[in-house]
C-alpha atoms as a PDB file:
ATOM      1  CA  UNK A   1     166.231 165.967 149.234  1.00  0.00           C
ATOM      2  CA  UNK A   2     167.310 168.489 146.646  1.00  0.00           C
ATOM      3  CA  UNK A   3     165.025 169.698 143.816  1.00  0.00           C
ATOM      4  CA  UNK A   4     165.998 168.453 140.384  1.00  0.00           C
ATOM      5  CA  UNK A   5     163.802 170.913 138.495  1.00  0.00           C
ATOM      6  CA  UNK A   6     161.511 173.727 139.608  1.00  0.00           C
ATOM      7  CA  UNK A   7     159.137 175.396 137.180  1.00  0.00           C
ATOM      8  CA  UNK A   8     157.500 178.662 138.175  1.00  0.00           C
ATOM      9  CA  UNK A   9     155.941 181.167 135.779  1.00  0.00           C
ATOM     10  CA  UNK A  10     153.012 183.552 136.011  1.00  0.00           C
ATOM     11  CA  UNK A  11     149.763 181.924 134.886  1.00  0.00           C
ATOM     12  CA  UNK A  12     151.062 178.346 135.319  1.00  0.00           C
ATOM     13  CA  UNK A  13     151.023 175.885 138.222  1.00  0.00           C
ATOM     14  CA  UNK A  14     154.291 175.603 140.167  1.00  0.00           C
ATOM     15  CA  UNK A  15     155.930 172.211 139.571  1.00  0.00           C
ATOM     16  CA  UNK A  16     158.797 170.709 141.587  1.00  0.00           C
ATOM     17  CA  UNK A  17     160.373 167.538 140.221  1.00  0.00           C
ATOM     18  CA  UNK A  18     162.249 165.167 142.554  1.00  0.00           C
ATOM     19  CA  UNK A  19     163.844 161.753 141.937  1.00  0.00           C
ATOM     20  CA  UNK A  20     160.869 159.618 143.075  1.00  0.00           C
ATOM     21  CA  UNK A  21     157.956 162.045 142.998  1.00  0.00           C
ATOM     22  CA  UNK A  22     156.829 165.498 141.938  1.00  0.00           C
ATOM     23  CA  UNK A  23     154.795 168.240 143.569  1.00  0.00           C
ATOM     24  CA  UNK A  24     152.405 170.638 141.919  1.00  0.00           C
ATOM     25  CA  UNK A  25     150.659 173.734 143.248  1.00  0.00           C
ATOM     26  CA  UNK A  26     147.649 175.165 141.459  1.00  0.00           C
ATOM     27  CA  UNK A  27     147.454 178.856 140.648  1.00  0.00           C
ATOM     28  CA  UNK A  28     144.524 179.344 143.016  1.00  0.00           C
ATOM     29  CA  UNK A  29     145.578 177.021 145.857  1.00  0.00           C
ATOM     30  CA  UNK A  30     148.054 177.536 148.698  1.00  0.00           C
ATOM     31  CA  UNK A  31     149.724 174.138 149.077  1.00  0.00           C
ATOM     32  CA  UNK A  32     151.485 171.540 146.968  1.00  0.00           C
ATOM     33  CA  UNK A  33     150.012 168.138 146.097  1.00  0.00           C
ATOM     34  CA  UNK A  34     152.519 165.264 145.913  1.00  0.00           C
ATOM     35  CA  UNK A  35     152.390 162.551 143.230  1.00  0.00           C
ATOM     36  CA  UNK A  36     154.613 159.458 143.117  1.00  0.00           C
ATOM     37  CA  UNK A  37     155.626 158.526 139.571  1.00  0.00           C
ATOM     38  CA  UNK A  38     154.478 154.938 140.143  1.00  0.00           C
ATOM     39  CA  UNK A  39     150.914 156.164 140.844  1.00  0.00           C
ATOM     40  CA  UNK A  40     150.534 158.169 137.636  1.00  0.00           C
ATOM     41  CA  UNK A  41     148.866 156.783 134.540  1.00  0.00           C
ATOM     42  CA  UNK A  42     149.129 159.874 132.308  1.00  0.00           C
ATOM     43  CA  UNK A  43     149.813 163.578 132.070  1.00  0.00           C
ATOM     44  CA  UNK A  44     148.122 165.485 129.288  1.00  0.00           C
ATOM     45  CA  UNK A  45     147.202 168.962 128.133  1.00  0.00           C
ATOM     46  CA  UNK A  46     143.518 169.545 127.422  1.00  0.00           C
ATOM     47  CA  UNK A  47     142.694 172.513 125.212  1.00  0.00           C
ATOM     48  CA  UNK A  48     138.936 173.024 125.222  1.00  0.00           C
ATOM     49  CA  UNK A  49     139.235 175.387 122.242  1.00  0.00           C
ATOM     50  CA  UNK A  50     139.937 172.359 120.038  1.00  0.00           C
ATOM     51  CA  UNK A  51     136.831 170.428 121.111  1.00  0.00           C
ATOM     52  CA  UNK A  52     133.928 170.258 118.662  1.00  0.00           C
ATOM     53  CA  UNK A  53     131.442 171.861 121.060  1.00  0.00           C
ATOM     54  CA  UNK A  54     133.680 174.885 121.635  1.00  0.00           C
ATOM     55  CA  UNK A  55     134.147 175.370 117.907  1.00  0.00           C
ATOM     56  CA  UNK A  56     130.378 175.235 117.428  1.00  0.00           C
ATOM     57  CA  UNK A  57     130.022 177.813 120.201  1.00  0.00           C
ATOM     58  CA  UNK A  58     132.503 180.073 118.394  1.00  0.00           C
ATOM     59  CA  UNK A  59     130.563 179.819 115.157  1.00  0.00           C
ATOM     60  CA  UNK A  60     127.240 180.641 116.811  1.00  0.00           C
ATOM     61  CA  UNK A  61     128.293 183.389 119.225  1.00  0.00           C
ATOM     62  CA  UNK A  62     130.447 186.410 118.407  1.00  0.00           C
ATOM     63  CA  UNK A  63     131.554 186.849 122.058  1.00  0.00           C
ATOM     64  CA  UNK A  64     133.132 183.396 122.028  1.00  0.00           C
ATOM     65  CA  UNK A  65     135.456 184.465 119.226  1.00  0.00           C
ATOM     66  CA  UNK A  66     136.558 187.523 121.194  1.00  0.00           C
ATOM     67  CA  UNK A  67     137.346 185.686 124.442  1.00  0.00           C
ATOM     68  CA  UNK A  68     138.600 182.369 123.028  1.00  0.00           C
ATOM     69  CA  UNK A  69     142.229 183.480 123.275  1.00  0.00           C
ATOM     70  CA  UNK A  70     141.824 183.938 127.035  1.00  0.00           C
ATOM     71  CA  UNK A  71     140.448 180.437 127.621  1.00  0.00           C
ATOM     72  CA  UNK A  72     142.971 178.540 129.807  1.00  0.00           C
ATOM     73  CA  UNK A  73     144.273 175.083 129.024  1.00  0.00           C
ATOM     74  CA  UNK A  74     144.105 172.268 131.559  1.00  0.00           C
ATOM     75  CA  UNK A  75     146.990 170.154 132.756  1.00  0.00           C
ATOM     76  CA  UNK A  76     145.353 166.831 133.654  1.00  0.00           C
ATOM     77  CA  UNK A  77     147.168 164.332 135.871  1.00  0.00           C
ATOM     78  CA  UNK A  78     145.476 160.924 135.907  1.00  0.00           C
ATOM     79  CA  UNK A  79     146.365 158.333 138.536  1.00  0.00           C
ATOM     80  CA  UNK A  80     146.289 154.581 137.946  1.00  0.00           C
ATOM     81  CA  UNK A  81     143.094 154.327 140.028  1.00  0.00           C
ATOM     82  CA  UNK A  82     141.496 156.706 137.447  1.00  0.00           C
ATOM     83  CA  UNK A  83     141.344 159.644 139.835  1.00  0.00           C
ATOM     84  CA  UNK A  84     142.449 162.850 138.155  1.00  0.00           C
ATOM     85  CA  UNK A  85     143.431 166.410 138.986  1.00  0.00           C
ATOM     86  CA  UNK A  86     143.105 169.369 136.646  1.00  0.00           C
ATOM     87  CA  UNK A  87     145.317 172.438 136.863  1.00  0.00           C
ATOM     88  CA  UNK A  88     144.635 175.617 134.873  1.00  0.00           C
ATOM     89  CA  UNK A  89     147.454 177.127 132.855  1.00  0.00           C
ATOM     90  CA  UNK A  90     147.899 179.922 130.340  1.00  0.00           C
ATOM     91  CA  UNK A  91     147.192 178.966 126.761  1.00  0.00           C
ATOM     92  CA  UNK A  92     150.418 180.587 125.578  1.00  0.00           C
ATOM     93  CA  UNK A  93     153.444 178.624 124.411  1.00  0.00           C
ATOM     94  CA  UNK A  94     156.089 178.244 127.124  1.00  0.00           C
ATOM     95  CA  UNK A  95     159.124 176.111 126.284  1.00  0.00           C
ATOM     96  CA  UNK A  96     160.059 175.614 129.955  1.00  0.00           C
ATOM     97  CA  UNK A  97     156.554 174.351 130.754  1.00  0.00           C
ATOM     98  CA  UNK A  98     156.647 171.973 127.793  1.00  0.00           C
ATOM     99  CA  UNK A  99     160.087 170.672 128.761  1.00  0.00           C
ATOM    100  CA  UNK A 100     159.084 169.961 132.369  1.00  0.00           C
ATOM    101  CA  UNK A 101     155.994 168.089 131.156  1.00  0.00           C
ATOM    102  CA  UNK A 102     158.215 166.066 128.834  1.00  0.00           C
ATOM    103  CA  UNK A 103     160.523 165.288 131.770  1.00  0.00           C
ATOM    104  CA  UNK A 104     157.557 164.148 133.890  1.00  0.00           C
ATOM    105  CA  UNK A 105     156.242 161.922 131.088  1.00  0.00           C
ATOM    106  CA  UNK A 106     159.686 160.331 130.739  1.00  0.00           C
ATOM    107  CA  UNK A 107     159.858 159.607 134.473  1.00  0.00           C
ATOM    108  CA  UNK A 108     156.359 158.112 134.446  1.00  0.00           C
ATOM    109  CA  UNK A 109     157.116 155.812 131.518  1.00  0.00           C
ATOM    110  CA  UNK A 110     160.245 154.411 133.225  1.00  0.00           C
END
């Protein structure tokens, strides 16, 4: 089967999108995990810098303000059985990454 879309960029998980499923490989792992679209409940980006406890940490500790820009975001894939997988990604804007996530969300909703 031929790949429809392949996303690969430094600091992001590698994502391969097929007709009936997609594969994702974490930055720090050597193999791909396969997900069928019918098994997926949601795909979301979690930015811990926007959580109340992280903001409190930034107010109280000077070091947190220095290193906050380096804090990675999480790509969370939640299955219908409520199991989930988190994948670290750079917290920089990447239009290709955003477009592949949009494509995955469209395939899941159909």
